[in-house]
Amino acid sequence: MVDGREVVRACFDALLARDPRVFAIGEDVGRIGDVNQGFAGLQEKYGNCG
């Protein structure tokens, strides 16, 4: 079994790696990676555009 947040993070990680035009916006995609940690570590990996 895998936590849903791990699946979400893996999907966004693959998408961000594949297409540099993709970005995420919203109040829950900041440094901590959203309430459920679905974006945890992705800002450090792909950078901060703000």
PDB file of N, CA and C in Angstrom:
ATOM      1  N   MET A   1       0.830  -1.174   0.000  1.00  0.00           N
ATOM      2  CA  MET A   1       0.000   0.000   0.000  1.00  0.00           C
ATOM      3  C   MET A   1       0.883   1.249   0.000  1.00  0.00           C
ATOM      4  N   VAL A   2       0.402   2.260  -0.687  1.00  0.00           N
ATOM      5  CA  VAL A   2       1.112   3.529  -0.791  1.00  0.00           C
ATOM      6  C   VAL A   2       0.134   4.647  -0.429  1.00  0.00           C
ATOM      7  N   ASP A   3       0.614   5.620   0.329  1.00  0.00           N
ATOM      8  CA  ASP A   3      -0.210   6.780   0.656  1.00  0.00           C
ATOM      9  C   ASP A   3      -0.584   7.523  -0.620  1.00  0.00           C
ATOM     10  N   GLY A   4      -1.783   8.063  -0.656  1.00  0.00           N
ATOM     11  CA  GLY A   4      -2.242   8.832  -1.804  1.00  0.00           C
ATOM     12  C   GLY A   4      -1.343  10.010  -2.104  1.00  0.00           C
ATOM     13  N   ARG A   5      -0.784  10.628  -1.071  1.00  0.00           N
ATOM     14  CA  ARG A   5       0.100  11.782  -1.284  1.00  0.00           C
ATOM     15  C   ARG A   5       1.356  11.387  -2.045  1.00  0.00           C
ATOM     16  N   GLU A   6       1.820  10.164  -1.859  1.00  0.00           N
ATOM     17  CA  GLU A   6       2.994   9.687  -2.584  1.00  0.00           C
ATOM     18  C   GLU A   6       2.678   9.496  -4.071  1.00  0.00           C
ATOM     19  N   VAL A   7       1.485   9.035  -4.350  1.00  0.00           N
ATOM     20  CA  VAL A   7       1.055   8.869  -5.743  1.00  0.00           C
ATOM     21  C   VAL A   7       0.918  10.234  -6.415  1.00  0.00           C
ATOM     22  N   VAL A   8       0.284  11.171  -5.722  1.00  0.00           N
ATOM     23  CA  VAL A   8       0.120  12.528  -6.259  1.00  0.00           C
ATOM     24  C   VAL A   8       1.481  13.172  -6.505  1.00  0.00           C
ATOM     25  N   ARG A   9       2.389  13.063  -5.553  1.00  0.00           N
ATOM     26  CA  ARG A   9       3.718  13.652  -5.697  1.00  0.00           C
ATOM     27  C   ARG A   9       4.474  13.019  -6.866  1.00  0.00           C
ATOM     28  N   ALA A  10       4.399  11.711  -7.007  1.00  0.00           N
ATOM     29  CA  ALA A  10       5.085  11.023  -8.105  1.00  0.00           C
ATOM     30  C   ALA A  10       4.537  11.471  -9.459  1.00  0.00           C
ATOM     31  N   CYS A  11       3.231  11.642  -9.553  1.00  0.00           N
ATOM     32  CA  CYS A  11       2.622  12.086 -10.816  1.00  0.00           C
ATOM     33  C   CYS A  11       3.036  13.513 -11.158  1.00  0.00           C
ATOM     34  N   PHE A  12       2.996  14.412 -10.193  1.00  0.00           N
ATOM     35  CA  PHE A  12       3.428  15.787 -10.450  1.00  0.00           C
ATOM     36  C   PHE A  12       4.928  15.848 -10.733  1.00  0.00           C
ATOM     37  N   ASP A  13       5.713  15.044 -10.060  1.00  0.00           N
ATOM     38  CA  ASP A  13       7.149  15.006 -10.304  1.00  0.00           C
ATOM     39  C   ASP A  13       7.425  14.586 -11.752  1.00  0.00           C
ATOM     40  N   ALA A  14       6.764  13.549 -12.219  1.00  0.00           N
ATOM     41  CA  ALA A  14       6.948  13.083 -13.597  1.00  0.00           C
ATOM     42  C   ALA A  14       6.504  14.138 -14.594  1.00  0.00           C
ATOM     43  N   LEU A  15       5.393  14.779 -14.330  1.00  0.00           N
ATOM     44  CA  LEU A  15       4.872  15.803 -15.243  1.00  0.00           C
ATOM     45  C   LEU A  15       5.784  17.022 -15.291  1.00  0.00           C
ATOM     46  N   LEU A  16       6.249  17.478 -14.137  1.00  0.00           N
ATOM     47  CA  LEU A  16       7.147  18.628 -14.094  1.00  0.00           C
ATOM     48  C   LEU A  16       8.485  18.322 -14.772  1.00  0.00           C
ATOM     49  N   ALA A  17       8.952  17.097 -14.656  1.00  0.00           N
ATOM     50  CA  ALA A  17      10.210  16.706 -15.295  1.00  0.00           C
ATOM     51  C   ALA A  17      10.064  16.626 -16.811  1.00  0.00           C
ATOM     52  N   ARG A  18       8.911  16.210 -17.268  1.00  0.00           N
ATOM     53  CA  ARG A  18       8.682  16.006 -18.697  1.00  0.00           C
ATOM     54  C   ARG A  18       8.437  17.298 -19.466  1.00  0.00           C
ATOM     55  N   ASP A  19       7.767  18.266 -18.845  1.00  0.00           N
ATOM     56  CA  ASP A  19       7.361  19.460 -19.578  1.00  0.00           C
ATOM     57  C   ASP A  19       7.629  20.720 -18.752  1.00  0.00           C
ATOM     58  N   PRO A  20       8.645  21.495 -19.122  1.00  0.00           N
ATOM     59  CA  PRO A  20       8.987  22.687 -18.336  1.00  0.00           C
ATOM     60  C   PRO A  20       7.935  23.795 -18.389  1.00  0.00           C
ATOM     61  N   ARG A  21       6.950  23.662 -19.248  1.00  0.00           N
ATOM     62  CA  ARG A  21       5.869  24.661 -19.305  1.00  0.00           C
ATOM     63  C   ARG A  21       4.840  24.461 -18.206  1.00  0.00           C
ATOM     64  N   VAL A  22       4.863  23.325 -17.551  1.00  0.00           N
ATOM     65  CA  VAL A  22       3.892  23.007 -16.495  1.00  0.00           C
ATOM     66  C   VAL A  22       4.321  23.659 -15.191  1.00  0.00           C
ATOM     67  N   PHE A  23       3.354  24.237 -14.491  1.00  0.00           N
ATOM     68  CA  PHE A  23       3.623  24.800 -13.171  1.00  0.00           C
ATOM     69  C   PHE A  23       2.372  24.661 -12.323  1.00  0.00           C
ATOM     70  N   ALA A  24       2.542  24.755 -11.042  1.00  0.00           N
ATOM     71  CA  ALA A  24       1.434  24.632 -10.103  1.00  0.00           C
ATOM     72  C   ALA A  24       1.273  25.944  -9.359  1.00  0.00           C
ATOM     73  N   ILE A  25       0.045  26.374  -9.188  1.00  0.00           N
ATOM     74  CA  ILE A  25      -0.230  27.574  -8.412  1.00  0.00           C
ATOM     75  C   ILE A  25      -1.295  27.263  -7.373  1.00  0.00           C
ATOM     76  N   GLY A  26      -1.293  28.023  -6.321  1.00  0.00           N
ATOM     77  CA  GLY A  26      -2.302  27.841  -5.289  1.00  0.00           C
ATOM     78  C   GLY A  26      -1.701  28.037  -3.919  1.00  0.00           C
ATOM     79  N   GLU A  27      -2.555  28.174  -2.956  1.00  0.00           N
ATOM     80  CA  GLU A  27      -2.083  28.450  -1.608  1.00  0.00           C
ATOM     81  C   GLU A  27      -1.463  27.229  -0.935  1.00  0.00           C
ATOM     82  N   ASP A  28      -1.668  26.045  -1.482  1.00  0.00           N
ATOM     83  CA  ASP A  28      -1.158  24.832  -0.838  1.00  0.00           C
ATOM     84  C   ASP A  28       0.011  24.182  -1.560  1.00  0.00           C
ATOM     85  N   VAL A  29       0.696  24.894  -2.427  1.00  0.00           N
ATOM     86  CA  VAL A  29       1.840  24.290  -3.116  1.00  0.00           C
ATOM     87  C   VAL A  29       3.151  24.990  -2.746  1.00  0.00           C
ATOM     88  N   GLY A  30       3.170  25.616  -1.626  1.00  0.00           N
ATOM     89  CA  GLY A  30       4.358  26.345  -1.185  1.00  0.00           C
ATOM     90  C   GLY A  30       5.418  25.445  -0.599  1.00  0.00           C
ATOM     91  N   ARG A  31       6.244  25.999   0.236  1.00  0.00           N
ATOM     92  CA  ARG A  31       7.412  25.284   0.768  1.00  0.00           C
ATOM     93  C   ARG A  31       7.076  23.986   1.481  1.00  0.00           C
ATOM     94  N   ILE A  32       6.000  23.970   2.244  1.00  0.00           N
ATOM     95  CA  ILE A  32       5.717  22.730   2.979  1.00  0.00           C
ATOM     96  C   ILE A  32       5.072  21.669   2.096  1.00  0.00           C
ATOM     97  N   GLY A  33       4.631  22.038   0.919  1.00  0.00           N
ATOM     98  CA  GLY A  33       4.145  21.048  -0.014  1.00  0.00           C
ATOM     99  C   GLY A  33       2.674  20.723   0.084  1.00  0.00           C
ATOM    100  N   ASP A  34       1.879  21.563   0.547  1.00  0.00           N
ATOM    101  CA  ASP A  34       0.436  21.511   0.721  1.00  0.00           C
ATOM    102  C   ASP A  34       0.061  20.804   2.011  1.00  0.00           C
ATOM    103  N   VAL A  35      -1.180  20.848   2.343  1.00  0.00           N
ATOM    104  CA  VAL A  35      -1.667  20.306   3.613  1.00  0.00           C
ATOM    105  C   VAL A  35      -1.352  18.819   3.735  1.00  0.00           C
ATOM    106  N   ASN A  36      -1.464  18.087   2.641  1.00  0.00           N
ATOM    107  CA  ASN A  36      -1.229  16.641   2.661  1.00  0.00           C
ATOM    108  C   ASN A  36       0.146  16.243   2.135  1.00  0.00           C
ATOM    109  N   GLN A  37       1.029  17.231   1.964  1.00  0.00           N
ATOM    110  CA  GLN A  37       2.397  16.999   1.506  1.00  0.00           C
ATOM    111  C   GLN A  37       2.472  16.418   0.091  1.00  0.00           C
ATOM    112  N   GLY A  38       1.471  16.680  -0.731  1.00  0.00           N
ATOM    113  CA  GLY A  38       1.456  16.196  -2.110  1.00  0.00           C
ATOM    114  C   GLY A  38       2.502  16.833  -2.995  1.00  0.00           C
ATOM    115  N   PHE A  39       3.013  18.005  -2.616  1.00  0.00           N
ATOM    116  CA  PHE A  39       4.042  18.695  -3.391  1.00  0.00           C
ATOM    117  C   PHE A  39       5.358  18.796  -2.620  1.00  0.00           C
ATOM    118  N   ALA A  40       5.481  18.059  -1.542  1.00  0.00           N
ATOM    119  CA  ALA A  40       6.677  18.142  -0.700  1.00  0.00           C
ATOM    120  C   ALA A  40       7.933  17.828  -1.505  1.00  0.00           C
ATOM    121  N   GLY A  41       8.913  18.729  -1.426  1.00  0.00           N
ATOM    122  CA  GLY A  41      10.187  18.544  -2.094  1.00  0.00           C
ATOM    123  C   GLY A  41      10.233  18.992  -3.544  1.00  0.00           C
ATOM    124  N   LEU A  42       9.088  19.235  -4.151  1.00  0.00           N
ATOM    125  CA  LEU A  42       9.076  19.588  -5.569  1.00  0.00           C
ATOM    126  C   LEU A  42       9.538  21.013  -5.813  1.00  0.00           C
ATOM    127  N   GLN A  43       9.293  21.911  -4.870  1.00  0.00           N
ATOM    128  CA  GLN A  43       9.757  23.280  -5.038  1.00  0.00           C
ATOM    129  C   GLN A  43      11.289  23.319  -5.010  1.00  0.00           C
ATOM    130  N   GLU A  44      11.890  22.553  -4.126  1.00  0.00           N
ATOM    131  CA  GLU A  44      13.350  22.502  -4.069  1.00  0.00           C
ATOM    132  C   GLU A  44      13.924  21.876  -5.335  1.00  0.00           C
ATOM    133  N   LYS A  45      13.245  20.879  -5.862  1.00  0.00           N
ATOM    134  CA  LYS A  45      13.737  20.171  -7.046  1.00  0.00           C
ATOM    135  C   LYS A  45      13.583  20.980  -8.332  1.00  0.00           C
ATOM    136  N   TYR A  46      12.451  21.672  -8.487  1.00  0.00           N
ATOM    137  CA  TYR A  46      12.152  22.362  -9.740  1.00  0.00           C
ATOM    138  C   TYR A  46      12.233  23.881  -9.654  1.00  0.00           C
ATOM    139  N   GLY A  47      12.408  24.394  -8.457  1.00  0.00           N
ATOM    140  CA  GLY A  47      12.580  25.817  -8.292  1.00  0.00           C
ATOM    141  C   GLY A  47      11.309  26.549  -7.924  1.00  0.00           C
ATOM    142  N   ASN A  48      11.511  27.804  -7.598  1.00  0.00           N
ATOM    143  CA  ASN A  48      10.432  28.684  -7.170  1.00  0.00           C
ATOM    144  C   ASN A  48      10.296  29.775  -8.221  1.00  0.00           C
ATOM    145  N   CYS A  49       9.128  29.898  -8.772  1.00  0.00           N
ATOM    146  CA  CYS A  49       8.945  30.923  -9.802  1.00  0.00           C
ATOM    147  C   CYS A  49       8.386  32.215  -9.220  1.00  0.00           C
ATOM    148  N   GLY A  50       8.244  32.307  -7.912  1.00  0.00           N
ATOM    149  CA  GLY A  50       7.676  33.492  -7.327  1.00  0.00           C
ATOM    150  C   GLY A  50       8.627  34.260  -6.596  1.00  0.00           C
TER     151      GLY A  50
END
